Structures are given as structure tokens and as C-alpha cells.
């Protein structure tokens, strides 16, 4: 191997070992600082083109945020097979297991091997949260992803004129709503299993001089605590933990603000019953543009519930 290639490879290995690239965006400036560090100068490629290639390779691998090729099948199952199946059977309330069984039958008809069918269906059954995290990591790092990057309109209406307090953004994604609340003076906590989204949120918050308290964890791993929050936001997400955990985390007088598509719930009154322990102060079903779903119009459910 040519000596310069050996040096470049050694430089790259040492460089990556030095950088914690789980938060690639926040380390972009650090990357350039390290390039100028004395201890790297003897390994540093002389040609700008070589440097550009190494930087590009580093950022590409960093931005992958643990995306797994073995999960490549999931977007098709999630965004194509499942909606199509529901649309073709509007009178049936299909359980998750029934959907998985029909997916397995489809794969077998297509000639997919039994071992591959078993692998995919087992992941859907027992590792759905990991599949979802990987899906959203891909989504938030895709420059072509079509979603509302502005703060949720319903949230803006509900906090207008309200005194800032402590807020939790449940399933915060890339932080558009958390950053908005922080800009109004709220102390904001948030979590999401998609570490790429959380990392983007922190990068943008720091650029704006705002503070977010975030964790890249699954719903069941987050510590909601007791009487911590004045507001808990569910923006195009639903609680995957017992609703009582959310209720307990609210201060007296605290509110839940929720907006999602009608297909997030199995029945149109499910959202109401979910927070029976709270006082429902606002509930509506409207035809509006979705924050996701390629921004198409859909039935949207909106709720505000207050803790007595």
C-alpha cells in the first residue's frame, strides 16, 4: 500500500477514536479543531482533496446514528404494507399480530425464505421500539423528509399568553416544539428513542442560545417523576407508558396538550378515556394538514386536559 494511504488510514483511525461521534452535528467544529491539533499534524494529509474525502467519510458514518441494514425492510412494512392493508379492510379492526401474520403470508407468497420471514416478523413483534428509533433516525437525517419543521400550530395556540413553567416534550423528535417552548422562557425537558433527532435538537438549541434537557431513551426508560411539569406535550405521538405516569408527572393545574392523526387511536373517544383522571378542557376533531404524512390533509384529534 502506498505510504500516503497508510498514513491517511492511521490518521483517520486515530481521529475517530478521539471524537465521540454519537453527536456528529455538535462535533463538526471540533473536527476542524482536531485537524489543526499539533498531535495530528504529522498524520495530516497535505492535499485538501484528501482531507475533504476523509471529512466526508467521517460525517457520513457519524450521521448514520447506528442505522442498521438489517432494519431496511421496516419502512416498507410501516409506510406501505400496513396502511394499504388497513385501507383494503376498512370494516376490520386488525390487531398488530394479525397485521404481522398477513405480512408473513405476503413475504412467503413473494418467495422470501422462511428464515428471513421469521427474522423480520420476530423483530416486528419483539423489537418494534428499536425499529421505530432506526426509522426516525433515518427520517430526521434525510434532507428530503417532508414534515412540518415549524412549531405545532395547536401548541402555539394553547400556550399563547400562558406563564412559562416546566414542560416535557414527549417523543420530541428533532426538537421543533421543545425549541419553541424554550424560546418563550419555558424550562424544557424532552426525550425520544431516535438519538439523531435528539442530537439535532441540541445542536439547534445551542445555536440559538437555548437550553434543553434531553435524553435519547425509550418511553419506558424515561423517569417522569412526580409533579414535575406544568405542561406535557404529545405532538403527533401517543403515550406508550401507562397514562397514570403522565398524570403523576403533572403539577396540580398542569395540562396535557395532545395532537395526532385519527389513525393514532383505535376509536375516536380513546383519547378522551386515556386521561379520565384529568379534566378535559378542550377536545376537537378537525380536517387539517398533518404535521407528517407528507403534510397531506387528514382528520386531526386535539385535546387539552388539566390536572385538578
Protein backbone atom coordinates (compact mmCIF):
# COMPACT_ATOMS: atom_id res chain seq x y z
CA UNK A 1 0.00 0.00 0.00
CA UNK A 2 1.24 3.50 -0.81
CA UNK A 3 2.76 5.24 2.22
CA UNK A 4 0.38 8.21 1.98
CA UNK A 5 -2.62 5.87 2.06
CA UNK A 6 -1.24 4.14 5.14
CA UNK A 7 -0.76 7.49 6.86
CA UNK A 8 -4.25 8.59 5.88
CA UNK A 9 -5.76 5.40 7.28
CA UNK A 10 -3.85 5.74 10.55
CA UNK A 11 -4.83 9.40 10.80
CA UNK A 12 -8.49 8.57 10.29
CA UNK A 13 -8.48 5.76 12.88
CA UNK A 14 -6.81 7.97 15.47
CA UNK A 15 -9.11 10.84 14.61
CA UNK A 16 -12.31 8.79 15.01
CA UNK A 17 -11.04 7.27 18.24
CA UNK A 18 -10.62 10.80 19.59
CA UNK A 19 -14.08 12.06 18.60
CA UNK A 20 -17.32 10.94 20.16
CA UNK A 21 -19.39 10.89 17.01
CA UNK A 22 -22.68 9.91 18.58
CA UNK A 23 -23.45 13.64 18.35
CA UNK A 24 -21.97 14.28 14.92
CA UNK A 25 -23.50 17.67 14.32
CA UNK A 26 -22.27 19.18 17.57
CA UNK A 27 -18.77 17.86 16.85
CA UNK A 28 -18.43 19.33 13.36
CA UNK A 29 -16.46 22.33 14.66
CA UNK A 30 -14.45 20.05 16.92
CA UNK A 31 -13.47 18.05 13.84
CA UNK A 32 -11.76 21.06 12.31
CA UNK A 33 -10.09 21.96 15.59
CA UNK A 34 -8.62 18.46 15.86
CA UNK A 35 -7.29 18.70 12.32
CA UNK A 36 -5.17 21.63 13.48
CA UNK A 37 -4.06 19.94 16.70
CA UNK A 38 -0.29 19.52 16.97
CA UNK A 39 -0.51 15.79 17.68
CA UNK A 40 -2.34 15.23 14.36
CA UNK A 41 -0.13 17.38 12.15
CA UNK A 42 2.31 14.60 11.34
CA UNK A 43 -0.59 12.45 10.15
CA UNK A 44 -2.41 15.23 8.39
CA UNK A 45 -2.77 14.78 4.61
CA UNK A 46 -1.22 17.57 2.63
CA UNK A 47 -3.80 17.76 -0.11
CA UNK A 48 -7.12 19.46 0.54
CA UNK A 49 -8.89 16.90 -1.64
CA UNK A 50 -7.72 14.08 0.63
CA UNK A 51 -8.88 15.98 3.71
CA UNK A 52 -12.26 16.64 2.12
CA UNK A 53 -12.67 12.95 1.39
CA UNK A 54 -11.78 11.94 4.93
CA UNK A 55 -14.10 14.56 6.43
CA UNK A 56 -16.94 13.49 4.16
CA UNK A 57 -16.42 9.84 5.05
CA UNK A 58 -16.36 10.68 8.75
CA UNK A 59 -19.52 12.76 8.63
CA UNK A 60 -21.34 10.17 6.56
CA UNK A 61 -20.60 7.44 9.08
CA UNK A 62 -21.38 9.73 12.00
CA UNK A 63 -24.71 10.84 10.63
CA UNK A 64 -25.84 7.25 10.24
CA UNK A 65 -26.54 7.20 14.01
CA UNK A 66 -26.47 3.43 14.21
CA UNK A 67 -28.81 2.80 11.29
CA UNK A 68 -28.91 -0.92 10.75
CA UNK A 69 -29.10 -2.56 7.29
CA UNK A 70 -31.00 -5.44 8.86
CA UNK A 71 -33.83 -2.99 9.53
CA UNK A 72 -34.09 -1.87 5.89
CA UNK A 73 -37.36 -3.77 5.41
CA UNK A 74 -39.21 -1.82 8.10
CA UNK A 75 -40.09 1.44 6.27
CA UNK A 76 -41.93 -0.58 3.60
CA UNK A 77 -43.81 -2.55 6.26
CA UNK A 78 -44.61 0.62 8.21
CA UNK A 79 -45.46 3.09 5.45
CA UNK A 80 -46.75 0.90 2.65
CA UNK A 81 -47.91 -2.56 3.67
CA UNK A 82 -49.74 -1.64 6.89
CA UNK A 83 -51.66 1.42 5.59
CA UNK A 84 -52.61 -0.45 2.42
CA UNK A 85 -53.85 -3.41 4.46
CA UNK A 86 -56.00 -1.18 6.66
CA UNK A 87 -57.37 0.70 3.64
CA UNK A 88 -58.35 -2.58 1.97
CA UNK A 89 -60.13 -3.76 5.13
CA UNK A 90 -61.89 -0.64 6.49
CA UNK A 91 -64.51 -2.65 8.36
CA UNK A 92 -61.93 -4.70 10.27
CA UNK A 93 -60.08 -3.64 13.40
CA UNK A 94 -56.85 -5.51 12.78
CA UNK A 95 -54.63 -6.26 15.74
CA UNK A 96 -50.86 -5.90 15.47
CA UNK A 97 -50.49 -9.66 15.47
CA UNK A 98 -52.98 -10.05 12.62
CA UNK A 99 -51.04 -7.47 10.60
CA UNK A 100 -47.79 -9.32 11.23
CA UNK A 101 -49.36 -12.63 10.19
CA UNK A 102 -50.62 -11.13 6.94
CA UNK A 103 -47.22 -9.61 6.32
CA UNK A 104 -45.62 -13.03 6.80
CA UNK A 105 -48.07 -14.55 4.30
CA UNK A 106 -47.23 -11.81 1.78
CA UNK A 107 -43.50 -12.46 2.14
CA UNK A 108 -43.95 -16.20 1.68
CA UNK A 109 -46.01 -15.61 -1.47
CA UNK A 110 -43.16 -13.48 -2.79
CA UNK A 111 -40.71 -16.32 -2.26
CA UNK A 112 -38.89 -14.87 0.72
CA UNK A 113 -37.09 -17.61 2.67
CA UNK A 114 -38.62 -18.93 5.86
CA UNK A 115 -35.62 -17.79 7.88
CA UNK A 116 -35.93 -14.24 6.56
CA UNK A 117 -39.68 -14.19 7.19
CA UNK A 118 -39.06 -15.37 10.74
CA UNK A 119 -36.33 -12.76 11.26
CA UNK A 120 -38.48 -9.85 10.11
CA UNK A 121 -41.65 -10.87 11.93
CA UNK A 122 -39.72 -11.56 15.13
CA UNK A 123 -38.19 -8.07 15.01
CA UNK A 124 -41.62 -6.51 14.50
CA UNK A 125 -43.05 -8.48 17.42
CA UNK A 126 -40.28 -8.06 19.99
CA UNK A 127 -38.15 -5.10 18.88
CA UNK A 128 -40.66 -2.63 17.48
CA UNK A 129 -39.23 0.24 19.51
CA UNK A 130 -35.77 -0.36 18.04
CA UNK A 131 -37.22 -0.47 14.54
CA UNK A 132 -39.07 2.79 15.20
CA UNK A 133 -35.96 4.50 16.54
CA UNK A 134 -34.00 3.44 13.48
CA UNK A 135 -36.83 4.60 11.21
CA UNK A 136 -36.94 8.07 12.77
CA UNK A 137 -33.15 8.38 12.76
CA UNK A 138 -33.28 7.86 9.01
CA UNK A 139 -36.22 10.24 8.70
CA UNK A 140 -34.68 13.15 10.60
CA UNK A 141 -31.33 12.89 8.81
CA UNK A 142 -32.99 12.78 5.38
CA UNK A 143 -32.88 16.24 3.83
CA UNK A 144 -35.89 15.32 1.69
CA UNK A 145 -38.13 14.33 4.62
CA UNK A 146 -41.44 16.17 4.27
CA UNK A 147 -42.83 17.26 7.64
CA UNK A 148 -43.72 20.43 9.49
CA UNK A 149 -40.43 21.82 10.70
CA UNK A 150 -42.16 24.76 12.40
CA UNK A 151 -43.68 24.55 15.90
CA UNK A 152 -47.02 22.75 16.06
CA UNK A 153 -49.84 25.26 15.48
CA UNK A 154 -52.14 23.83 18.16
CA UNK A 155 -49.37 24.02 20.75
CA UNK A 156 -48.77 27.67 19.86
CA UNK A 157 -52.46 28.45 20.42
CA UNK A 158 -52.55 26.63 23.77
CA UNK A 159 -49.50 28.35 25.29
CA UNK A 160 -50.17 31.84 23.95
CA UNK A 161 -50.26 34.22 26.92
CA UNK A 162 -49.55 31.40 29.38
CA UNK A 163 -46.90 31.95 32.02
CA UNK A 164 -43.85 29.78 31.24
CA UNK A 165 -43.14 26.85 33.52
CA UNK A 166 -41.66 23.38 33.19
CA UNK A 167 -42.60 21.40 30.10
CA UNK A 168 -42.00 17.87 28.86
CA UNK A 169 -41.93 17.19 25.11
CA UNK A 170 -42.85 13.50 24.93
CA UNK A 171 -41.35 11.93 21.80
CA UNK A 172 -39.65 15.20 20.93
CA UNK A 173 -38.23 14.19 17.54
CA UNK A 174 -35.83 16.83 16.22
CA UNK A 175 -36.99 19.37 18.79
CA UNK A 176 -39.10 21.87 16.83
CA UNK A 177 -41.63 22.19 19.69
CA UNK A 178 -39.12 21.96 22.53
CA UNK A 179 -37.07 24.78 21.00
CA UNK A 180 -40.19 26.89 20.54
CA UNK A 181 -41.18 26.48 24.20
CA UNK A 182 -37.64 27.25 25.35
CA UNK A 183 -37.66 30.43 23.24
CA UNK A 184 -40.74 31.55 25.21
CA UNK A 185 -38.93 31.08 28.52
CA UNK A 186 -40.11 27.58 29.41
CA UNK A 187 -37.76 25.14 31.08
CA UNK A 188 -37.96 22.22 28.68
CA UNK A 189 -37.30 18.53 29.09
CA UNK A 190 -37.69 16.05 26.27
CA UNK A 191 -36.88 12.55 25.18
CA UNK A 192 -37.03 10.39 22.10
CA UNK A 193 -35.60 6.97 21.19
CA UNK A 194 -34.25 8.49 17.95
CA UNK A 195 -30.84 9.75 19.04
CA UNK A 196 -30.32 11.54 15.72
CA UNK A 197 -33.39 13.67 16.35
CA UNK A 198 -32.33 14.49 19.91
CA UNK A 199 -28.85 15.41 18.69
CA UNK A 200 -30.31 17.75 16.08
CA UNK A 201 -32.46 19.40 18.75
CA UNK A 202 -29.47 20.05 20.99
CA UNK A 203 -27.43 21.45 18.10
CA UNK A 204 -30.16 23.89 17.11
CA UNK A 205 -30.87 24.90 20.70
CA UNK A 206 -27.21 25.71 21.32
CA UNK A 207 -27.04 27.75 18.14
CA UNK A 208 -29.96 29.80 19.49
CA UNK A 209 -28.51 30.09 22.98
CA UNK A 210 -31.29 27.95 24.47
CA UNK A 211 -31.14 25.11 26.98
CA UNK A 212 -32.91 21.77 26.56
CA UNK A 213 -32.76 18.87 29.00
CA UNK A 214 -32.89 15.85 26.71
CA UNK A 215 -32.44 12.10 26.75
CA UNK A 216 -32.28 9.60 23.90
CA UNK A 217 -34.25 6.85 25.61
CA UNK A 218 -37.34 4.75 25.04
CA UNK A 219 -40.63 5.72 26.66
CA UNK A 220 -40.41 3.09 29.37
CA UNK A 221 -36.89 4.16 30.31
CA UNK A 222 -37.70 7.81 30.98
CA UNK A 223 -38.11 8.96 34.58
CA UNK A 224 -41.28 11.05 34.60
CA UNK A 225 -41.12 11.72 38.33
CA UNK A 226 -43.91 13.25 40.42
CA UNK A 227 -45.43 16.70 39.97
CA UNK A 228 -42.57 17.95 37.80
CA UNK A 229 -44.31 19.56 34.83
CA UNK A 230 -46.75 22.33 34.10
CA UNK A 231 -47.23 21.01 30.58
CA UNK A 232 -46.75 17.64 28.90
CA UNK A 233 -46.87 17.75 25.10
CA UNK A 234 -47.80 14.89 22.79
CA UNK A 235 -47.33 16.25 19.27
CA UNK A 236 -48.08 13.53 16.73
CA UNK A 237 -47.20 10.84 19.20
CA UNK A 238 -49.05 8.82 21.82
CA UNK A 239 -48.07 7.59 25.29
CA UNK A 240 -46.51 4.13 25.22
CA UNK A 241 -46.43 4.06 29.02
CA UNK A 242 -49.41 3.90 31.38
CA UNK A 243 -51.20 7.26 31.22
CA UNK A 244 -51.07 7.44 35.02
CA UNK A 245 -47.31 8.04 34.79
CA UNK A 246 -48.04 11.15 32.75
CA UNK A 247 -50.79 12.25 35.16
CA UNK A 248 -48.47 11.78 38.14
CA UNK A 249 -45.75 13.84 36.47
CA UNK A 250 -48.05 16.88 36.21
CA UNK A 251 -48.17 19.56 38.88
CA UNK A 252 -51.65 20.48 40.14
CA UNK A 253 -53.13 22.69 37.44
CA UNK A 254 -50.72 21.29 34.86
CA UNK A 255 -52.01 20.37 31.41
CA UNK A 256 -51.61 17.73 28.74
CA UNK A 257 -51.64 19.10 25.18
CA UNK A 258 -52.11 16.45 22.51
CA UNK A 259 -52.49 16.44 18.74
CA UNK A 260 -52.37 13.43 16.44
CA UNK A 261 -53.99 11.83 13.42
CA UNK A 262 -57.25 9.94 13.87
CA UNK A 263 -55.47 6.72 12.93
CA UNK A 264 -53.29 7.00 16.05
CA UNK A 265 -56.23 5.72 18.11
CA UNK A 266 -58.47 2.70 17.61
CA UNK A 267 -61.63 4.69 18.38
CA UNK A 268 -62.38 8.39 18.28
CA UNK A 269 -63.10 8.55 22.01
CA UNK A 270 -59.99 6.66 23.04
CA UNK A 271 -58.05 9.88 23.54
CA UNK A 272 -60.71 11.13 25.94
CA UNK A 273 -60.70 7.95 28.02
CA UNK A 274 -56.93 7.87 28.11
CA UNK A 275 -56.92 10.81 30.54
CA UNK A 276 -60.05 10.08 32.56
CA UNK A 277 -58.18 11.18 35.68
CA UNK A 278 -57.89 14.71 34.27
CA UNK A 279 -60.43 17.40 33.43
CA UNK A 280 -60.92 17.64 29.66
CA UNK A 281 -60.99 21.34 28.82
CA UNK A 282 -60.68 21.11 25.03
CA UNK A 283 -61.39 18.36 22.50
CA UNK A 284 -61.98 18.54 18.77
CA UNK A 285 -61.73 16.56 15.57
CA UNK A 286 -60.89 18.71 12.55
CA UNK A 287 -59.84 18.26 8.97
CA UNK A 288 -56.42 19.81 8.73
CA UNK A 289 -52.96 19.48 7.24
CA UNK A 290 -50.90 16.85 9.04
CA UNK A 291 -47.56 17.71 10.59
CA UNK A 292 -46.33 14.46 9.00
CA UNK A 293 -47.85 12.13 6.33
CA UNK A 294 -46.19 14.29 3.65
CA UNK A 295 -48.29 17.21 5.00
CA UNK A 296 -51.50 15.89 3.46
CA UNK A 297 -54.92 16.71 4.88
CA UNK A 298 -56.35 14.23 7.36
CA UNK A 299 -58.65 14.00 10.40
CA UNK A 300 -56.76 15.51 13.32
CA UNK A 301 -57.58 14.97 17.01
CA UNK A 302 -56.75 17.69 19.53
CA UNK A 303 -57.06 17.58 23.28
CA UNK A 304 -56.17 19.64 26.34
CA UNK A 305 -56.65 18.10 29.79
CA UNK A 306 -55.92 19.72 33.16
CA UNK A 307 -54.89 18.10 36.41
CA UNK A 308 -57.25 19.22 39.25
